[in-house]
PDB file of N, CA and C in Angstrom:
ATOM      1  N   UNK A   1      79.478 -44.658 115.014  1.00  0.00           N
ATOM      2  CA  UNK A   1      80.015 -45.696 115.251  1.00  0.00           C
ATOM      3  C   UNK A   1      81.570 -45.466 116.308  1.00  0.00           C
ATOM      4  N   UNK A   2      81.821 -45.810 117.275  1.00  0.00           N
ATOM      5  CA  UNK A   2      82.796 -46.134 118.344  1.00  0.00           C
ATOM      6  C   UNK A   2      83.975 -46.209 117.682  1.00  0.00           C
ATOM      7  N   UNK A   3      84.970 -45.193 117.897  1.00  0.00           N
ATOM      8  CA  UNK A   3      86.471 -46.537 117.566  1.00  0.00           C
ATOM      9  C   UNK A   3      86.524 -47.508 118.208  1.00  0.00           C
ATOM     10  N   UNK A   4      86.438 -48.009 118.866  1.00  0.00           N
ATOM     11  CA  UNK A   4      86.538 -49.813 119.527  1.00  0.00           C
ATOM     12  C   UNK A   4      85.311 -50.969 118.904  1.00  0.00           C
ATOM     13  N   UNK A   5      84.633 -50.137 118.234  1.00  0.00           N
ATOM     14  CA  UNK A   5      82.834 -51.076 117.857  1.00  0.00           C
ATOM     15  C   UNK A   5      83.598 -52.688 116.754  1.00  0.00           C
ATOM     16  N   UNK A   6      85.006 -51.872 115.993  1.00  0.00           N
ATOM     17  CA  UNK A   6      84.817 -53.417 115.355  1.00  0.00           C
ATOM     18  C   UNK A   6      85.936 -54.321 115.766  1.00  0.00           C
ATOM     19  N   UNK A   7      86.659 -53.810 117.427  1.00  0.00           N
ATOM     20  CA  UNK A   7      86.950 -54.702 118.222  1.00  0.00           C
ATOM     21  C   UNK A   7      86.509 -55.889 118.750  1.00  0.00           C
ATOM     22  N   UNK A   8      84.799 -55.613 118.795  1.00  0.00           N
ATOM     23  CA  UNK A   8      84.069 -56.477 119.345  1.00  0.00           C
ATOM     24  C   UNK A   8      83.282 -57.548 118.336  1.00  0.00           C
ATOM     25  N   UNK A   9      84.224 -57.591 117.163  1.00  0.00           N
ATOM     26  CA  UNK A   9      83.572 -58.692 116.577  1.00  0.00           C
ATOM     27  C   UNK A   9      85.037 -59.317 115.823  1.00  0.00           C
ATOM     28  N   UNK A  10      86.035 -59.452 116.799  1.00  0.00           N
ATOM     29  CA  UNK A  10      87.167 -59.985 116.442  1.00  0.00           C
ATOM     30  C   UNK A  10      87.167 -61.425 116.760  1.00  0.00           C
ATOM     31  N   UNK A  11      87.407 -62.601 116.574  1.00  0.00           N
ATOM     32  CA  UNK A  11      87.717 -64.377 116.839  1.00  0.00           C
ATOM     33  C   UNK A  11      88.200 -63.458 118.847  1.00  0.00           C
ATOM     34  N   UNK A  12      88.099 -64.864 119.476  1.00  0.00           N
ATOM     35  CA  UNK A  12      88.575 -65.077 120.774  1.00  0.00           C
ATOM     36  C   UNK A  12      89.971 -65.137 120.700  1.00  0.00           C
ATOM     37  N   UNK A  13      90.251 -65.845 119.523  1.00  0.00           N
ATOM     38  CA  UNK A  13      91.698 -66.494 119.249  1.00  0.00           C
ATOM     39  C   UNK A  13      92.302 -65.086 119.362  1.00  0.00           C
ATOM     40  N   UNK A  14      91.510 -64.317 118.251  1.00  0.00           N
ATOM     41  CA  UNK A  14      93.041 -62.944 117.995  1.00  0.00           C
ATOM     42  C   UNK A  14      92.449 -61.924 119.560  1.00  0.00           C
ATOM     43  N   UNK A  15      92.337 -61.922 120.038  1.00  0.00           N
ATOM     44  CA  UNK A  15      91.902 -61.246 121.417  1.00  0.00           C
ATOM     45  C   UNK A  15      93.316 -61.350 122.246  1.00  0.00           C
ATOM     46  N   UNK A  16      92.620 -62.876 122.990  1.00  0.00           N
ATOM     47  CA  UNK A  16      93.973 -63.858 123.402  1.00  0.00           C
ATOM     48  C   UNK A  16      95.474 -63.804 123.027  1.00  0.00           C
ATOM     49  N   UNK A  17      95.501 -63.522 121.917  1.00  0.00           N
ATOM     50  CA  UNK A  17      97.196 -63.496 121.384  1.00  0.00           C
ATOM     51  C   UNK A  17      97.257 -61.897 121.059  1.00  0.00           C
ATOM     52  N   UNK A  18      96.240 -60.848 121.381  1.00  0.00           N
ATOM     53  CA  UNK A  18      96.417 -59.168 121.602  1.00  0.00           C
ATOM     54  C   UNK A  18      96.992 -59.192 122.530  1.00  0.00           C
ATOM     55  N   UNK A  19      96.264 -59.567 124.360  1.00  0.00           N
ATOM     56  CA  UNK A  19      96.468 -59.791 125.627  1.00  0.00           C
ATOM     57  C   UNK A  19      97.827 -60.662 126.249  1.00  0.00           C
ATOM     58  N   UNK A  20      97.952 -61.600 125.137  1.00  0.00           N
ATOM     59  CA  UNK A  20      99.073 -62.142 125.469  1.00  0.00           C
ATOM     60  C   UNK A  20     100.530 -61.469 125.120  1.00  0.00           C
ATOM     61  N   UNK A  21     100.677 -60.515 123.629  1.00  0.00           N
ATOM     62  CA  UNK A  21     101.161 -59.426 123.705  1.00  0.00           C
ATOM     63  C   UNK A  21     101.521 -58.372 124.542  1.00  0.00           C
ATOM     64  N   UNK A  22     100.675 -58.095 124.648  1.00  0.00           N
ATOM     65  CA  UNK A  22     100.813 -57.234 125.904  1.00  0.00           C
ATOM     66  C   UNK A  22     101.623 -57.249 127.297  1.00  0.00           C
ATOM     67  N   UNK A  23     100.192 -58.349 127.867  1.00  0.00           N
ATOM     68  CA  UNK A  23     101.247 -59.304 129.002  1.00  0.00           C
ATOM     69  C   UNK A  23     103.044 -58.990 129.195  1.00  0.00           C
ATOM     70  N   UNK A  24     103.103 -59.426 127.939  1.00  0.00           N
ATOM     71  CA  UNK A  24     104.901 -59.474 127.829  1.00  0.00           C
ATOM     72  C   UNK A  24     105.026 -58.609 127.435  1.00  0.00           C
ATOM     73  N   UNK A  25     104.653 -57.541 127.129  1.00  0.00           N
ATOM     74  CA  UNK A  25     105.586 -56.207 127.358  1.00  0.00           C
ATOM     75  C   UNK A  25     105.319 -55.693 128.636  1.00  0.00           C
ATOM     76  N   UNK A  26     104.295 -55.951 129.124  1.00  0.00           N
ATOM     77  CA  UNK A  26     104.248 -55.580 131.064  1.00  0.00           C
ATOM     78  C   UNK A  26     105.161 -56.213 131.862  1.00  0.00           C
ATOM     79  N   UNK A  27     105.166 -57.821 131.281  1.00  0.00           N
ATOM     80  CA  UNK A  27     106.359 -58.380 132.548  1.00  0.00           C
ATOM     81  C   UNK A  27     107.740 -57.764 131.695  1.00  0.00           C
ATOM     82  N   UNK A  28     108.124 -57.046 131.386  1.00  0.00           N
ATOM     83  CA  UNK A  28     109.164 -56.460 131.429  1.00  0.00           C
ATOM     84  C   UNK A  28     109.418 -55.274 132.746  1.00  0.00           C
ATOM     85  N   UNK A  29     107.851 -54.352 132.693  1.00  0.00           N
ATOM     86  CA  UNK A  29     107.725 -53.638 133.756  1.00  0.00           C
ATOM     87  C   UNK A  29     106.451 -52.431 133.571  1.00  0.00           C
ATOM     88  N   UNK A  30     106.149 -51.949 134.242  1.00  0.00           N
ATOM     89  CA  UNK A  30     105.212 -50.913 133.928  1.00  0.00           C
ATOM     90  C   UNK A  30     105.322 -50.208 132.591  1.00  0.00           C
ATOM     91  N   UNK A  31     104.115 -49.853 131.818  1.00  0.00           N
ATOM     92  CA  UNK A  31     104.379 -49.302 130.614  1.00  0.00           C
ATOM     93  C   UNK A  31     103.017 -48.239 129.999  1.00  0.00           C
ATOM     94  N   UNK A  32     102.596 -47.347 129.966  1.00  0.00           N
ATOM     95  CA  UNK A  32     101.934 -46.822 129.196  1.00  0.00           C
ATOM     96  C   UNK A  32     101.482 -47.097 127.991  1.00  0.00           C
ATOM     97  N   UNK A  33     100.219 -46.769 128.088  1.00  0.00           N
ATOM     98  CA  UNK A  33      99.785 -47.269 126.335  1.00  0.00           C
ATOM     99  C   UNK A  33     100.717 -47.154 125.387  1.00  0.00           C
ATOM    100  N   UNK A  34     101.211 -46.008 125.164  1.00  0.00           N
ATOM    101  CA  UNK A  34     102.557 -45.468 124.059  1.00  0.00           C
ATOM    102  C   UNK A  34     103.574 -46.867 123.727  1.00  0.00           C
ATOM    103  N   UNK A  35     104.044 -46.685 124.955  1.00  0.00           N
ATOM    104  CA  UNK A  35     105.382 -48.210 125.240  1.00  0.00           C
ATOM    105  C   UNK A  35     104.388 -48.917 124.579  1.00  0.00           C
ATOM    106  N   UNK A  36     102.893 -49.684 125.283  1.00  0.00           N
ATOM    107  CA  UNK A  36     102.488 -50.819 124.586  1.00  0.00           C
ATOM    108  C   UNK A  36     102.373 -51.154 123.035  1.00  0.00           C
ATOM    109  N   UNK A  37     102.365 -49.727 122.478  1.00  0.00           N
ATOM    110  CA  UNK A  37     101.849 -49.775 121.042  1.00  0.00           C
ATOM    111  C   UNK A  37     103.051 -49.680 120.584  1.00  0.00           C
ATOM    112  N   UNK A  38     103.837 -48.883 121.012  1.00  0.00           N
ATOM    113  CA  UNK A  38     104.984 -48.605 120.326  1.00  0.00           C
ATOM    114  C   UNK A  38     106.221 -50.448 120.240  1.00  0.00           C
ATOM    115  N   UNK A  39     105.754 -51.639 121.108  1.00  0.00           N
ATOM    116  CA  UNK A  39     106.620 -52.172 121.654  1.00  0.00           C
ATOM    117  C   UNK A  39     105.524 -53.769 120.685  1.00  0.00           C
ATOM    118  N   UNK A  40     104.641 -53.719 120.204  1.00  0.00           N
ATOM    119  CA  UNK A  40     103.781 -54.750 120.032  1.00  0.00           C
ATOM    120  C   UNK A  40     103.195 -54.207 118.895  1.00  0.00           C
ATOM    121  N   UNK A  41     103.540 -53.184 117.784  1.00  0.00           N
ATOM    122  CA  UNK A  41     103.108 -51.805 116.813  1.00  0.00           C
ATOM    123  C   UNK A  41     101.218 -52.048 116.437  1.00  0.00           C
ATOM    124  N   UNK A  42     101.164 -52.110 117.619  1.00  0.00           N
ATOM    125  CA  UNK A  42      99.589 -52.237 117.621  1.00  0.00           C
ATOM    126  C   UNK A  42      98.993 -51.176 117.812  1.00  0.00           C
ATOM    127  N   UNK A  43      98.089 -50.614 117.192  1.00  0.00           N
ATOM    128  CA  UNK A  43      97.675 -49.228 117.549  1.00  0.00           C
ATOM    129  C   UNK A  43      96.921 -48.815 118.428  1.00  0.00           C
ATOM    130  N   UNK A  44      96.815 -47.637 119.442  1.00  0.00           N
ATOM    131  CA  UNK A  44      96.961 -47.134 120.340  1.00  0.00           C
ATOM    132  C   UNK A  44      95.635 -47.487 120.804  1.00  0.00           C
ATOM    133  N   UNK A  45      93.997 -47.520 119.967  1.00  0.00           N
ATOM    134  CA  UNK A  45      92.914 -47.870 120.232  1.00  0.00           C
ATOM    135  C   UNK A  45      92.416 -49.192 120.727  1.00  0.00           C
ATOM    136  N   UNK A  46      93.165 -49.826 120.207  1.00  0.00           N
ATOM    137  CA  UNK A  46      93.555 -51.225 120.127  1.00  0.00           C
ATOM    138  C   UNK A  46      94.233 -51.704 121.748  1.00  0.00           C
ATOM    139  N   UNK A  47      95.153 -51.309 121.582  1.00  0.00           N
ATOM    140  CA  UNK A  47      95.922 -51.155 123.391  1.00  0.00           C
ATOM    141  C   UNK A  47      94.993 -50.529 124.510  1.00  0.00           C
ATOM    142  N   UNK A  48      94.173 -49.746 124.334  1.00  0.00           N
ATOM    143  CA  UNK A  48      93.359 -49.082 125.285  1.00  0.00           C
ATOM    144  C   UNK A  48      92.037 -50.052 125.506  1.00  0.00           C
ATOM    145  N   UNK A  49      92.052 -50.290 124.013  1.00  0.00           N
ATOM    146  CA  UNK A  49      90.491 -52.037 124.010  1.00  0.00           C
ATOM    147  C   UNK A  49      90.645 -52.822 124.557  1.00  0.00           C
ATOM    148  N   UNK A  50      92.032 -53.624 125.217  1.00  0.00           N
ATOM    149  CA  UNK A  50      92.186 -54.914 125.794  1.00  0.00           C
ATOM    150  C   UNK A  50      92.966 -54.662 127.081  1.00  0.00           C
ATOM    151  N   UNK A  51      93.127 -53.383 127.106  1.00  0.00           N
ATOM    152  CA  UNK A  51      93.582 -53.181 128.724  1.00  0.00           C
ATOM    153  C   UNK A  51      92.345 -52.853 129.410  1.00  0.00           C
ATOM    154  N   UNK A  52      91.319 -52.375 129.044  1.00  0.00           N
ATOM    155  CA  UNK A  52      90.221 -52.142 129.712  1.00  0.00           C
ATOM    156  C   UNK A  52      89.751 -53.405 129.834  1.00  0.00           C
ATOM    157  N   UNK A  53      89.732 -53.981 128.973  1.00  0.00           N
ATOM    158  CA  UNK A  53      88.421 -55.978 129.312  1.00  0.00           C
ATOM    159  C   UNK A  53      89.815 -56.297 130.673  1.00  0.00           C
ATOM    160  N   UNK A  54      91.373 -55.932 130.335  1.00  0.00           N
ATOM    161  CA  UNK A  54      92.311 -56.871 131.083  1.00  0.00           C
ATOM    162  C   UNK A  54      92.213 -56.083 133.007  1.00  0.00           C
ATOM    163  N   UNK A  55      91.610 -55.056 132.476  1.00  0.00           N
ATOM    164  CA  UNK A  55      90.895 -54.098 133.754  1.00  0.00           C
ATOM    165  C   UNK A  55      90.583 -55.115 134.525  1.00  0.00           C
ATOM    166  N   UNK A  56      89.283 -54.668 133.795  1.00  0.00           N
ATOM    167  CA  UNK A  56      87.552 -55.385 133.787  1.00  0.00           C
ATOM    168  C   UNK A  56      87.647 -56.932 134.723  1.00  0.00           C
ATOM    169  N   UNK A  57      88.582 -57.988 134.349  1.00  0.00           N
ATOM    170  CA  UNK A  57      88.813 -58.922 134.790  1.00  0.00           C
ATOM    171  C   UNK A  57      90.383 -59.106 135.285  1.00  0.00           C
ATOM    172  N   UNK A  58      90.873 -58.069 136.344  1.00  0.00           N
ATOM    173  CA  UNK A  58      92.268 -58.225 137.345  1.00  0.00           C
ATOM    174  C   UNK A  58      93.155 -58.986 136.706  1.00  0.00           C
ATOM    175  N   UNK A  59      93.465 -58.375 135.310  1.00  0.00           N
ATOM    176  CA  UNK A  59      94.990 -59.030 134.942  1.00  0.00           C
ATOM    177  C   UNK A  59      96.092 -58.176 135.269  1.00  0.00           C
ATOM    178  N   UNK A  60      95.235 -56.465 135.234  1.00  0.00           N
ATOM    179  CA  UNK A  60      96.582 -55.362 135.107  1.00  0.00           C
ATOM    180  C   UNK A  60      95.836 -54.465 136.052  1.00  0.00           C
ATOM    181  N   UNK A  61      96.423 -53.692 136.404  1.00  0.00           N
ATOM    182  CA  UNK A  61      96.385 -52.453 137.119  1.00  0.00           C
ATOM    183  C   UNK A  61      96.706 -51.194 137.037  1.00  0.00           C
ATOM    184  N   UNK A  62      96.639 -50.318 137.523  1.00  0.00           N
ATOM    185  CA  UNK A  62      96.900 -48.612 136.914  1.00  0.00           C
ATOM    186  C   UNK A  62      98.297 -48.155 137.834  1.00  0.00           C
ATOM    187  N   UNK A  63      98.930 -48.170 137.778  1.00  0.00           N
ATOM    188  CA  UNK A  63     100.015 -48.022 138.622  1.00  0.00           C
ATOM    189  C   UNK A  63     100.496 -46.462 139.040  1.00  0.00           C
ATOM    190  N   UNK A  64      99.965 -45.973 137.853  1.00  0.00           N
ATOM    191  CA  UNK A  64     100.392 -44.216 138.341  1.00  0.00           C
ATOM    192  C   UNK A  64     100.192 -43.606 136.882  1.00  0.00           C
ATOM    193  N   UNK A  65     100.779 -41.891 136.703  1.00  0.00           N
ATOM    194  CA  UNK A  65     100.330 -41.695 135.789  1.00  0.00           C
ATOM    195  C   UNK A  65     102.178 -40.758 134.877  1.00  0.00           C
ATOM    196  N   UNK A  66     102.399 -41.038 133.989  1.00  0.00           N
ATOM    197  CA  UNK A  66     103.178 -40.137 133.151  1.00  0.00           C
ATOM    198  C   UNK A  66     103.397 -39.651 132.230  1.00  0.00           C
ATOM    199  N   UNK A  67     103.508 -37.686 132.197  1.00  0.00           N
ATOM    200  CA  UNK A  67     103.419 -37.392 131.095  1.00  0.00           C
ATOM    201  C   UNK A  67     101.784 -37.234 130.460  1.00  0.00           C
ATOM    202  N   UNK A  68     101.014 -36.971 131.858  1.00  0.00           N
ATOM    203  CA  UNK A  68      99.333 -37.414 131.176  1.00  0.00           C
ATOM    204  C   UNK A  68      98.821 -38.946 130.909  1.00  0.00           C
ATOM    205  N   UNK A  69      99.675 -39.679 131.035  1.00  0.00           N
ATOM    206  CA  UNK A  69      99.361 -40.991 130.376  1.00  0.00           C
ATOM    207  C   UNK A  69      99.164 -41.904 131.582  1.00  0.00           C
ATOM    208  N   UNK A  70      98.386 -43.062 131.514  1.00  0.00           N
ATOM    209  CA  UNK A  70      98.442 -44.155 132.532  1.00  0.00           C
ATOM    210  C   UNK A  70      99.201 -44.921 132.282  1.00  0.00           C
ATOM    211  N   UNK A  71      99.938 -45.937 133.767  1.00  0.00           N
ATOM    212  CA  UNK A  71     100.898 -46.231 133.611  1.00  0.00           C
ATOM    213  C   UNK A  71     100.469 -47.622 134.294  1.00  0.00           C
ATOM    214  N   UNK A  72     100.259 -49.170 133.714  1.00  0.00           N
ATOM    215  CA  UNK A  72      99.635 -50.385 133.469  1.00  0.00           C
ATOM    216  C   UNK A  72     100.758 -50.750 134.078  1.00  0.00           C
ATOM    217  N   UNK A  73     100.437 -52.505 134.684  1.00  0.00           N
ATOM    218  CA  UNK A  73     100.788 -53.414 135.433  1.00  0.00           C
ATOM    219  C   UNK A  73     100.612 -54.722 135.389  1.00  0.00           C
ATOM    220  N   UNK A  74     101.546 -55.348 135.250  1.00  0.00           N
ATOM    221  CA  UNK A  74     100.785 -57.009 135.481  1.00  0.00           C
ATOM    222  C   UNK A  74      99.564 -57.106 136.764  1.00  0.00           C
ATOM    223  N   UNK A  75      98.694 -57.401 137.258  1.00  0.00           N
ATOM    224  CA  UNK A  75      98.125 -57.622 138.882  1.00  0.00           C
ATOM    225  C   UNK A  75      98.733 -58.748 139.383  1.00  0.00           C
ATOM    226  N   UNK A  76      99.756 -57.988 140.897  1.00  0.00           N
ATOM    227  CA  UNK A  76     100.570 -59.486 141.019  1.00  0.00           C
ATOM    228  C   UNK A  76      99.222 -59.717 142.001  1.00  0.00           C
ATOM    229  N   UNK A  77      99.676 -61.067 142.123  1.00  0.00           N
ATOM    230  CA  UNK A  77      98.780 -61.873 142.691  1.00  0.00           C
ATOM    231  C   UNK A  77      98.546 -62.696 144.035  1.00  0.00           C
TER     232      UNK A  77
END
């Protein structure tokens, strides 16, 4: 079973709450998965799972790389 499989069974409200928390971190500026994880207290794999969804729907974008880790930011409209 993939490390992300358990996240697919979450309720929609849980996912919205997680993504809102991630957006709040990114409103302060671009951040890595590690920083987002530290700020939200979410596991890194949960942060990555949410960021992949947010990338898919155009809410975030990759801004660069720092210490072998991608930097994410809110996508400007």
